[in-house]
Amino acid sequence: MRNIILIAHDIRSTHNVGSLLRTAECFGVKHTYFTGYTPYPTVEHDERLPHISAKLTAQIHKTALGAESMTSWSHYESIADLLLSLRTEGYTLAALEQTTASTILPAYLPPQKLALMIGREVEGIDPDLLARCDIALEIPQFGQKESLNVIQATAIALYHIQTSEEI
């Protein structure tokens, strides 16, 4: 099984965060980082107001169904520092995003250490962050819609990454 890190940057929906934690647990993700304005469950020494933290935690739990305590995750303040740290640790940085230079997911043979970044539900990943990644991965689509829900897309990508032949 590959060593996969997931980076959820600027995900607005607490329900998507909960679903993401369940999905990460199901696909054996080593660690999930929540960056930007992505909500996250209560942490030790939480600096957020207690009622805000409690409300977000309850909303995340609705879809996480306990996965928030079964999988490794953390909030990371600086995404730039995080990306640099992961690169130093030997991770390939991949963005799940449609771009003119994207690699179609089925054609991608993932490395053993991969950090997969997902971004905003509507706008996607900011171009400045895309430029910091080694590759952009795109899920081929055959209908008239041009995008999937961020969690559906993440699940498809994680399935491909975990089931692709070993290098």
N, C-alpha and C. Protein backbone atom coordinates (compact mmCIF):
# COMPACT_ATOMS: atom_id res chain seq x y z
N MET A 1 0.85 -1.18 0.00
CA MET A 1 0.00 0.00 0.00
C MET A 1 0.89 1.24 0.00
N ARG A 2 0.48 2.23 -0.75
CA ARG A 2 1.25 3.46 -0.85
C ARG A 2 1.13 4.31 0.41
N ASN A 3 2.08 5.19 0.57
CA ASN A 3 2.10 6.16 1.67
C ASN A 3 1.46 7.44 1.13
N ILE A 4 0.19 7.65 1.47
CA ILE A 4 -0.56 8.78 0.91
C ILE A 4 -0.86 9.79 2.00
N ILE A 5 -0.57 11.03 1.68
CA ILE A 5 -0.94 12.18 2.51
C ILE A 5 -2.01 12.93 1.74
N LEU A 6 -3.02 13.39 2.44
CA LEU A 6 -4.09 14.17 1.82
C LEU A 6 -4.04 15.58 2.38
N ILE A 7 -4.14 16.56 1.50
CA ILE A 7 -4.16 17.97 1.90
C ILE A 7 -5.49 18.56 1.45
N ALA A 8 -6.31 18.97 2.40
CA ALA A 8 -7.61 19.57 2.10
C ALA A 8 -7.48 21.07 2.35
N HIS A 9 -7.39 21.82 1.27
CA HIS A 9 -7.15 23.26 1.37
C HIS A 9 -8.40 24.05 0.99
N ASP A 10 -8.82 24.90 1.91
CA ASP A 10 -9.96 25.80 1.68
C ASP A 10 -11.25 25.08 1.32
N ILE A 11 -11.50 23.95 1.98
CA ILE A 11 -12.77 23.25 1.83
C ILE A 11 -13.75 23.92 2.80
N ARG A 12 -14.86 24.39 2.31
CA ARG A 12 -15.78 25.17 3.14
C ARG A 12 -16.74 24.30 3.95
N SER A 13 -17.23 23.23 3.39
CA SER A 13 -18.30 22.44 3.99
C SER A 13 -17.81 21.49 5.07
N THR A 14 -18.42 21.59 6.26
CA THR A 14 -18.09 20.64 7.33
C THR A 14 -18.52 19.22 6.95
N HIS A 15 -19.59 19.11 6.18
CA HIS A 15 -20.05 17.78 5.75
C HIS A 15 -19.04 17.16 4.79
N ASN A 16 -18.45 17.97 3.93
CA ASN A 16 -17.40 17.46 3.05
C ASN A 16 -16.17 17.04 3.87
N VAL A 17 -15.84 17.79 4.90
CA VAL A 17 -14.70 17.43 5.76
C VAL A 17 -14.96 16.08 6.44
N GLY A 18 -16.16 15.89 6.97
CA GLY A 18 -16.51 14.61 7.59
C GLY A 18 -16.42 13.46 6.60
N SER A 19 -16.98 13.67 5.42
CA SER A 19 -16.92 12.64 4.38
C SER A 19 -15.49 12.37 3.95
N LEU A 20 -14.70 13.42 3.91
CA LEU A 20 -13.29 13.26 3.55
C LEU A 20 -12.56 12.39 4.56
N LEU A 21 -12.83 12.59 5.85
CA LEU A 21 -12.20 11.76 6.87
C LEU A 21 -12.60 10.29 6.74
N ARG A 22 -13.87 10.04 6.44
CA ARG A 22 -14.32 8.65 6.22
C ARG A 22 -13.64 8.05 5.00
N THR A 23 -13.57 8.83 3.93
CA THR A 23 -12.95 8.37 2.70
C THR A 23 -11.46 8.10 2.92
N ALA A 24 -10.79 9.00 3.63
CA ALA A 24 -9.36 8.83 3.91
C ALA A 24 -9.12 7.55 4.71
N GLU A 25 -9.97 7.30 5.69
CA GLU A 25 -9.83 6.10 6.50
C GLU A 25 -10.03 4.85 5.65
N CYS A 26 -11.03 4.86 4.81
CA CYS A 26 -11.34 3.70 3.95
C CYS A 26 -10.21 3.38 2.98
N PHE A 27 -9.50 4.40 2.50
CA PHE A 27 -8.46 4.18 1.50
C PHE A 27 -7.05 4.18 2.09
N GLY A 28 -6.94 4.10 3.42
CA GLY A 28 -5.63 3.94 4.04
C GLY A 28 -4.73 5.15 3.95
N VAL A 29 -5.31 6.34 3.93
CA VAL A 29 -4.50 7.56 3.91
C VAL A 29 -3.73 7.66 5.22
N LYS A 30 -2.42 7.92 5.12
CA LYS A 30 -1.57 7.98 6.31
C LYS A 30 -1.92 9.17 7.20
N HIS A 31 -2.14 10.33 6.59
CA HIS A 31 -2.45 11.54 7.36
C HIS A 31 -3.19 12.53 6.46
N THR A 32 -4.13 13.26 7.05
CA THR A 32 -4.85 14.31 6.35
C THR A 32 -4.53 15.64 7.02
N TYR A 33 -4.15 16.62 6.20
CA TYR A 33 -3.89 17.97 6.69
C TYR A 33 -5.04 18.87 6.26
N PHE A 34 -5.55 19.66 7.19
CA PHE A 34 -6.55 20.67 6.90
C PHE A 34 -5.85 22.02 6.91
N THR A 35 -5.90 22.72 5.79
CA THR A 35 -5.21 24.00 5.67
C THR A 35 -6.18 25.07 5.19
N GLY A 36 -5.72 26.31 5.26
CA GLY A 36 -6.57 27.42 4.84
C GLY A 36 -7.77 27.52 5.78
N TYR A 37 -8.94 27.82 5.21
CA TYR A 37 -10.13 27.97 6.05
C TYR A 37 -10.91 26.66 6.23
N THR A 38 -10.32 25.53 5.87
CA THR A 38 -10.99 24.25 6.05
C THR A 38 -11.31 24.03 7.53
N PRO A 39 -12.58 23.75 7.86
CA PRO A 39 -12.92 23.47 9.26
C PRO A 39 -12.34 22.13 9.68
N TYR A 40 -12.12 21.99 10.97
CA TYR A 40 -11.56 20.76 11.52
C TYR A 40 -12.13 20.54 12.91
N PRO A 41 -12.14 19.27 13.37
CA PRO A 41 -12.67 18.99 14.71
C PRO A 41 -11.81 19.64 15.80
N THR A 42 -12.32 19.62 17.00
CA THR A 42 -11.62 20.18 18.14
C THR A 42 -10.27 19.49 18.34
N VAL A 43 -9.27 20.30 18.64
CA VAL A 43 -7.93 19.79 18.93
C VAL A 43 -7.52 20.24 20.33
N GLU A 44 -6.54 19.56 20.90
CA GLU A 44 -6.01 19.96 22.19
C GLU A 44 -5.42 21.36 22.07
N HIS A 45 -5.67 22.19 23.04
CA HIS A 45 -5.23 23.59 23.05
C HIS A 45 -5.81 24.37 21.88
N ASP A 46 -7.05 24.07 21.53
CA ASP A 46 -7.74 24.73 20.42
C ASP A 46 -7.83 26.23 20.69
N GLU A 47 -7.43 27.03 19.73
CA GLU A 47 -7.46 28.49 19.89
C GLU A 47 -8.79 29.10 19.46
N ARG A 48 -9.66 28.28 18.86
CA ARG A 48 -10.95 28.80 18.44
C ARG A 48 -11.86 28.93 19.67
N LEU A 49 -12.87 29.78 19.57
CA LEU A 49 -13.83 29.89 20.65
C LEU A 49 -14.48 28.53 20.88
N PRO A 50 -14.68 28.13 22.14
CA PRO A 50 -15.20 26.79 22.43
C PRO A 50 -16.52 26.46 21.74
N HIS A 51 -17.44 27.41 21.67
CA HIS A 51 -18.73 27.11 21.03
C HIS A 51 -18.58 26.93 19.53
N ILE A 52 -17.64 27.63 18.91
CA ILE A 52 -17.37 27.47 17.47
C ILE A 52 -16.76 26.09 17.22
N SER A 53 -15.75 25.76 17.99
CA SER A 53 -15.09 24.46 17.85
C SER A 53 -16.07 23.31 18.05
N ALA A 54 -16.92 23.42 19.07
CA ALA A 54 -17.90 22.37 19.36
C ALA A 54 -18.90 22.23 18.22
N LYS A 55 -19.36 23.34 17.68
CA LYS A 55 -20.33 23.31 16.58
C LYS A 55 -19.71 22.65 15.34
N LEU A 56 -18.48 23.04 14.99
CA LEU A 56 -17.82 22.46 13.82
C LEU A 56 -17.59 20.96 14.02
N THR A 57 -17.16 20.58 15.21
CA THR A 57 -16.91 19.18 15.50
C THR A 57 -18.18 18.35 15.34
N ALA A 58 -19.30 18.86 15.86
CA ALA A 58 -20.58 18.14 15.75
C ALA A 58 -20.99 18.00 14.28
N GLN A 59 -20.82 19.07 13.50
CA GLN A 59 -21.19 19.00 12.08
C GLN A 59 -20.30 18.03 11.32
N ILE A 60 -19.01 18.03 11.61
CA ILE A 60 -18.08 17.11 10.94
C ILE A 60 -18.42 15.67 11.30
N HIS A 61 -18.75 15.44 12.57
CA HIS A 61 -19.06 14.09 13.03
C HIS A 61 -20.28 13.49 12.31
N LYS A 62 -21.22 14.35 11.89
CA LYS A 62 -22.42 13.87 11.19
C LYS A 62 -22.09 12.99 10.00
N THR A 63 -21.05 13.36 9.26
CA THR A 63 -20.69 12.57 8.08
C THR A 63 -19.45 11.73 8.31
N ALA A 64 -18.60 12.10 9.27
CA ALA A 64 -17.40 11.31 9.56
C ALA A 64 -17.76 10.01 10.27
N LEU A 65 -18.84 10.04 11.06
CA LEU A 65 -19.32 8.86 11.79
C LEU A 65 -18.21 8.15 12.57
N GLY A 66 -17.37 8.93 13.23
CA GLY A 66 -16.31 8.37 14.05
C GLY A 66 -14.95 8.29 13.37
N ALA A 67 -14.90 8.50 12.07
CA ALA A 67 -13.62 8.42 11.36
C ALA A 67 -12.66 9.50 11.83
N GLU A 68 -13.18 10.57 12.41
CA GLU A 68 -12.31 11.63 12.90
C GLU A 68 -11.42 11.14 14.05
N SER A 69 -11.81 10.07 14.70
CA SER A 69 -10.98 9.51 15.76
C SER A 69 -10.26 8.23 15.32
N MET A 70 -10.50 7.79 14.09
CA MET A 70 -9.89 6.56 13.58
C MET A 70 -8.76 6.82 12.61
N THR A 71 -8.62 8.05 12.17
CA THR A 71 -7.61 8.37 11.18
C THR A 71 -6.76 9.53 11.67
N SER A 72 -5.55 9.59 11.20
CA SER A 72 -4.62 10.63 11.61
C SER A 72 -4.87 11.91 10.80
N TRP A 73 -5.04 13.03 11.51
CA TRP A 73 -5.28 14.30 10.84
C TRP A 73 -4.75 15.43 11.72
N SER A 74 -4.54 16.58 11.10
CA SER A 74 -4.16 17.77 11.86
C SER A 74 -4.46 19.01 11.04
N HIS A 75 -4.54 20.12 11.74
CA HIS A 75 -4.67 21.42 11.10
C HIS A 75 -3.26 21.98 10.97
N TYR A 76 -2.95 22.53 9.81
CA TYR A 76 -1.62 23.08 9.55
C TYR A 76 -1.82 24.51 9.08
N GLU A 77 -1.24 25.42 9.77
CA GLU A 77 -1.47 26.84 9.50
C GLU A 77 -0.98 27.29 8.12
N SER A 78 0.26 26.97 7.78
CA SER A 78 0.86 27.46 6.54
C SER A 78 0.96 26.35 5.50
N ILE A 79 0.20 26.47 4.44
CA ILE A 79 0.27 25.45 3.40
C ILE A 79 1.61 25.49 2.68
N ALA A 80 2.20 26.68 2.55
CA ALA A 80 3.50 26.78 1.89
C ALA A 80 4.56 26.00 2.67
N ASP A 81 4.56 26.15 3.99
CA ASP A 81 5.50 25.41 4.83
C ASP A 81 5.23 23.90 4.76
N LEU A 82 3.96 23.54 4.74
CA LEU A 82 3.59 22.13 4.67
C LEU A 82 4.09 21.50 3.37
N LEU A 83 3.87 22.16 2.25
CA LEU A 83 4.31 21.62 0.96
C LEU A 83 5.83 21.47 0.93
N LEU A 84 6.53 22.45 1.45
CA LEU A 84 7.99 22.38 1.50
C LEU A 84 8.44 21.20 2.37
N SER A 85 7.81 21.03 3.51
CA SER A 85 8.14 19.92 4.41
C SER A 85 7.89 18.56 3.75
N LEU A 86 6.74 18.42 3.08
CA LEU A 86 6.42 17.16 2.42
C LEU A 86 7.40 16.87 1.28
N ARG A 87 7.76 17.89 0.54
CA ARG A 87 8.73 17.71 -0.56
C ARG A 87 10.07 17.25 0.02
N THR A 88 10.49 17.86 1.13
CA THR A 88 11.74 17.49 1.80
C THR A 88 11.69 16.03 2.26
N GLU A 89 10.51 15.56 2.65
CA GLU A 89 10.34 14.18 3.10
C GLU A 89 10.24 13.19 1.93
N GLY A 90 10.33 13.70 0.69
CA GLY A 90 10.33 12.82 -0.47
C GLY A 90 8.97 12.55 -1.09
N TYR A 91 7.96 13.33 -0.72
CA TYR A 91 6.64 13.14 -1.32
C TYR A 91 6.55 13.84 -2.67
N THR A 92 5.88 13.20 -3.61
CA THR A 92 5.48 13.86 -4.85
C THR A 92 4.22 14.63 -4.53
N LEU A 93 4.17 15.90 -4.94
CA LEU A 93 3.01 16.74 -4.67
C LEU A 93 2.10 16.74 -5.89
N ALA A 94 0.89 16.22 -5.71
CA ALA A 94 -0.08 16.12 -6.81
C ALA A 94 -1.33 16.91 -6.44
N ALA A 95 -1.84 17.65 -7.41
CA ALA A 95 -3.09 18.39 -7.23
C ALA A 95 -4.18 17.68 -8.02
N LEU A 96 -5.33 17.51 -7.41
CA LEU A 96 -6.47 16.94 -8.12
C LEU A 96 -7.24 18.11 -8.71
N GLU A 97 -6.97 18.40 -9.97
CA GLU A 97 -7.49 19.62 -10.59
C GLU A 97 -7.47 19.51 -12.11
N GLN A 98 -8.47 20.09 -12.75
CA GLN A 98 -8.52 20.15 -14.20
C GLN A 98 -7.72 21.37 -14.66
N THR A 99 -6.67 21.13 -15.45
CA THR A 99 -5.89 22.22 -16.02
C THR A 99 -5.58 21.85 -17.47
N THR A 100 -5.02 22.79 -18.20
CA THR A 100 -4.63 22.49 -19.58
C THR A 100 -3.46 21.51 -19.63
N ALA A 101 -2.74 21.37 -18.51
CA ALA A 101 -1.59 20.47 -18.47
C ALA A 101 -1.83 19.24 -17.59
N SER A 102 -3.07 19.00 -17.18
CA SER A 102 -3.37 17.86 -16.30
C SER A 102 -3.04 16.53 -16.96
N THR A 103 -2.64 15.58 -16.14
CA THR A 103 -2.48 14.20 -16.56
C THR A 103 -3.78 13.48 -16.23
N ILE A 104 -4.29 12.74 -17.19
CA ILE A 104 -5.52 11.98 -16.97
C ILE A 104 -5.22 10.88 -15.95
N LEU A 105 -6.02 10.79 -14.92
CA LEU A 105 -5.77 9.89 -13.80
C LEU A 105 -5.47 8.44 -14.22
N PRO A 106 -6.24 7.82 -15.13
CA PRO A 106 -5.93 6.43 -15.47
C PRO A 106 -4.54 6.24 -16.09
N ALA A 107 -3.95 7.29 -16.64
CA ALA A 107 -2.62 7.18 -17.25
C ALA A 107 -1.50 7.41 -16.24
N TYR A 108 -1.85 7.71 -15.01
CA TYR A 108 -0.85 8.06 -13.99
C TYR A 108 -0.49 6.86 -13.15
N LEU A 109 0.79 6.56 -13.07
CA LEU A 109 1.28 5.52 -12.18
C LEU A 109 1.89 6.21 -10.97
N PRO A 110 1.19 6.20 -9.85
CA PRO A 110 1.63 6.97 -8.69
C PRO A 110 2.87 6.40 -8.03
N PRO A 111 3.68 7.29 -7.45
CA PRO A 111 4.86 6.85 -6.70
C PRO A 111 4.46 6.29 -5.33
N GLN A 112 5.41 5.76 -4.60
CA GLN A 112 5.14 5.20 -3.27
C GLN A 112 4.74 6.27 -2.26
N LYS A 113 5.30 7.47 -2.39
CA LYS A 113 5.00 8.55 -1.44
C LYS A 113 4.32 9.69 -2.22
N LEU A 114 3.05 9.88 -1.95
CA LEU A 114 2.28 10.86 -2.69
C LEU A 114 1.48 11.74 -1.73
N ALA A 115 1.56 13.04 -1.94
CA ALA A 115 0.72 14.00 -1.21
C ALA A 115 -0.29 14.53 -2.22
N LEU A 116 -1.57 14.27 -1.97
CA LEU A 116 -2.64 14.67 -2.88
C LEU A 116 -3.37 15.88 -2.30
N MET A 117 -3.37 16.97 -3.05
CA MET A 117 -4.05 18.19 -2.62
C MET A 117 -5.40 18.31 -3.31
N ILE A 118 -6.42 18.59 -2.51
CA ILE A 118 -7.74 18.91 -3.04
C ILE A 118 -8.07 20.32 -2.60
N GLY A 119 -8.91 21.01 -3.39
CA GLY A 119 -9.16 22.41 -3.09
C GLY A 119 -10.62 22.78 -3.05
N ARG A 120 -10.86 24.04 -3.13
CA ARG A 120 -12.19 24.63 -2.96
C ARG A 120 -13.23 23.92 -3.81
N GLU A 121 -14.43 23.82 -3.25
CA GLU A 121 -15.51 23.08 -3.88
C GLU A 121 -15.91 23.64 -5.24
N VAL A 122 -15.89 24.95 -5.40
CA VAL A 122 -16.33 25.55 -6.67
C VAL A 122 -15.14 26.02 -7.50
N GLU A 123 -14.24 26.77 -6.89
CA GLU A 123 -13.15 27.40 -7.65
C GLU A 123 -11.95 26.48 -7.86
N GLY A 124 -11.85 25.41 -7.10
CA GLY A 124 -10.72 24.50 -7.24
C GLY A 124 -9.48 25.03 -6.53
N ILE A 125 -8.34 24.55 -6.95
CA ILE A 125 -7.07 24.91 -6.31
C ILE A 125 -6.53 26.19 -6.94
N ASP A 126 -6.10 27.09 -6.09
CA ASP A 126 -5.53 28.37 -6.52
C ASP A 126 -4.33 28.14 -7.44
N PRO A 127 -4.20 28.90 -8.53
CA PRO A 127 -3.08 28.72 -9.46
C PRO A 127 -1.70 28.80 -8.80
N ASP A 128 -1.54 29.64 -7.78
CA ASP A 128 -0.24 29.72 -7.09
C ASP A 128 0.11 28.40 -6.41
N LEU A 129 -0.89 27.74 -5.85
CA LEU A 129 -0.63 26.43 -5.23
C LEU A 129 -0.40 25.35 -6.28
N LEU A 130 -1.13 25.44 -7.38
CA LEU A 130 -0.92 24.47 -8.47
C LEU A 130 0.53 24.53 -8.96
N ALA A 131 1.08 25.72 -9.02
CA ALA A 131 2.46 25.90 -9.49
C ALA A 131 3.47 25.24 -8.55
N ARG A 132 3.11 25.03 -7.30
CA ARG A 132 4.00 24.40 -6.33
C ARG A 132 3.94 22.87 -6.40
N CYS A 133 2.98 22.34 -7.13
CA CYS A 133 2.80 20.89 -7.23
C CYS A 133 3.63 20.32 -8.38
N ASP A 134 3.97 19.05 -8.26
CA ASP A 134 4.72 18.36 -9.31
C ASP A 134 3.85 17.98 -10.48
N ILE A 135 2.57 17.75 -10.20
CA ILE A 135 1.66 17.27 -11.25
C ILE A 135 0.22 17.62 -10.88
N ALA A 136 -0.60 17.86 -11.89
CA ALA A 136 -2.04 18.01 -11.71
C ALA A 136 -2.69 16.77 -12.32
N LEU A 137 -3.62 16.18 -11.58
CA LEU A 137 -4.31 14.97 -12.02
C LEU A 137 -5.77 15.30 -12.29
N GLU A 138 -6.28 14.75 -13.37
CA GLU A 138 -7.66 15.03 -13.78
C GLU A 138 -8.41 13.72 -13.98
N ILE A 139 -9.64 13.68 -13.49
CA ILE A 139 -10.50 12.52 -13.68
C ILE A 139 -11.25 12.71 -15.00
N PRO A 140 -11.12 11.77 -15.93
CA PRO A 140 -11.85 11.93 -17.19
C PRO A 140 -13.36 11.85 -16.94
N GLN A 141 -14.10 12.68 -17.64
CA GLN A 141 -15.55 12.71 -17.49
C GLN A 141 -16.20 12.59 -18.85
N PHE A 142 -17.33 11.93 -18.87
CA PHE A 142 -17.94 11.59 -20.15
C PHE A 142 -19.31 12.21 -20.36
N GLY A 143 -19.81 12.90 -19.37
CA GLY A 143 -21.11 13.54 -19.48
C GLY A 143 -20.96 15.02 -19.80
N GLN A 144 -22.02 15.77 -19.57
CA GLN A 144 -22.00 17.19 -19.86
C GLN A 144 -21.50 18.03 -18.69
N LYS A 145 -21.58 17.50 -17.48
CA LYS A 145 -21.06 18.22 -16.32
C LYS A 145 -19.54 18.20 -16.38
N GLU A 146 -18.92 19.26 -15.90
CA GLU A 146 -17.46 19.33 -15.98
C GLU A 146 -16.76 19.13 -14.64
N SER A 147 -17.53 18.78 -13.62
CA SER A 147 -16.87 18.57 -12.33
C SER A 147 -17.68 17.61 -11.46
N LEU A 148 -17.00 17.09 -10.45
CA LEU A 148 -17.61 16.21 -9.45
C LEU A 148 -17.54 16.91 -8.10
N ASN A 149 -18.34 16.44 -7.15
CA ASN A 149 -18.19 16.88 -5.77
C ASN A 149 -16.77 16.54 -5.32
N VAL A 150 -16.18 17.39 -4.48
CA VAL A 150 -14.80 17.22 -4.06
C VAL A 150 -14.56 15.87 -3.39
N ILE A 151 -15.53 15.36 -2.67
CA ILE A 151 -15.35 14.07 -2.00
C ILE A 151 -15.45 12.92 -2.99
N GLN A 152 -16.38 13.00 -3.92
CA GLN A 152 -16.47 11.96 -4.95
C GLN A 152 -15.17 11.91 -5.76
N ALA A 153 -14.67 13.07 -6.13
CA ALA A 153 -13.42 13.12 -6.90
C ALA A 153 -12.26 12.55 -6.09
N THR A 154 -12.20 12.90 -4.82
CA THR A 154 -11.12 12.40 -3.96
C THR A 154 -11.20 10.88 -3.84
N ALA A 155 -12.39 10.34 -3.67
CA ALA A 155 -12.55 8.89 -3.56
C ALA A 155 -12.09 8.18 -4.83
N ILE A 156 -12.46 8.73 -5.97
CA ILE A 156 -12.03 8.13 -7.24
C ILE A 156 -10.51 8.15 -7.35
N ALA A 157 -9.91 9.30 -7.03
CA ALA A 157 -8.45 9.43 -7.12
C ALA A 157 -7.75 8.49 -6.15
N LEU A 158 -8.22 8.43 -4.91
CA LEU A 158 -7.59 7.55 -3.92
C LEU A 158 -7.72 6.08 -4.33
N TYR A 159 -8.85 5.70 -4.89
CA TYR A 159 -9.01 4.32 -5.37
C TYR A 159 -7.96 4.02 -6.43
N HIS A 160 -7.83 4.92 -7.40
CA HIS A 160 -6.83 4.70 -8.47
C HIS A 160 -5.42 4.62 -7.88
N ILE A 161 -5.11 5.55 -6.99
CA ILE A 161 -3.76 5.59 -6.42
C ILE A 161 -3.45 4.31 -5.65
N GLN A 162 -4.40 3.81 -4.87
CA GLN A 162 -4.15 2.62 -4.07
C GLN A 162 -4.18 1.32 -4.87
N THR A 163 -4.87 1.31 -5.99
CA THR A 163 -5.00 0.06 -6.74
C THR A 163 -4.10 -0.02 -7.96
N SER A 164 -3.38 1.05 -8.28
CA SER A 164 -2.46 1.03 -9.41
C SER A 164 -1.32 0.07 -9.11
N GLU A 165 -0.80 -0.54 -10.15
CA GLU A 165 0.33 -1.48 -9.99
C GLU A 165 1.49 -0.78 -9.32
N GLU A 166 2.19 -1.52 -8.48
CA GLU A 166 3.36 -0.97 -7.79
C GLU A 166 4.45 -0.65 -8.81
N ILE A 167 5.23 0.35 -8.47
CA ILE A 167 6.35 0.76 -9.34
C ILE A 167 7.50 -0.20 -9.14
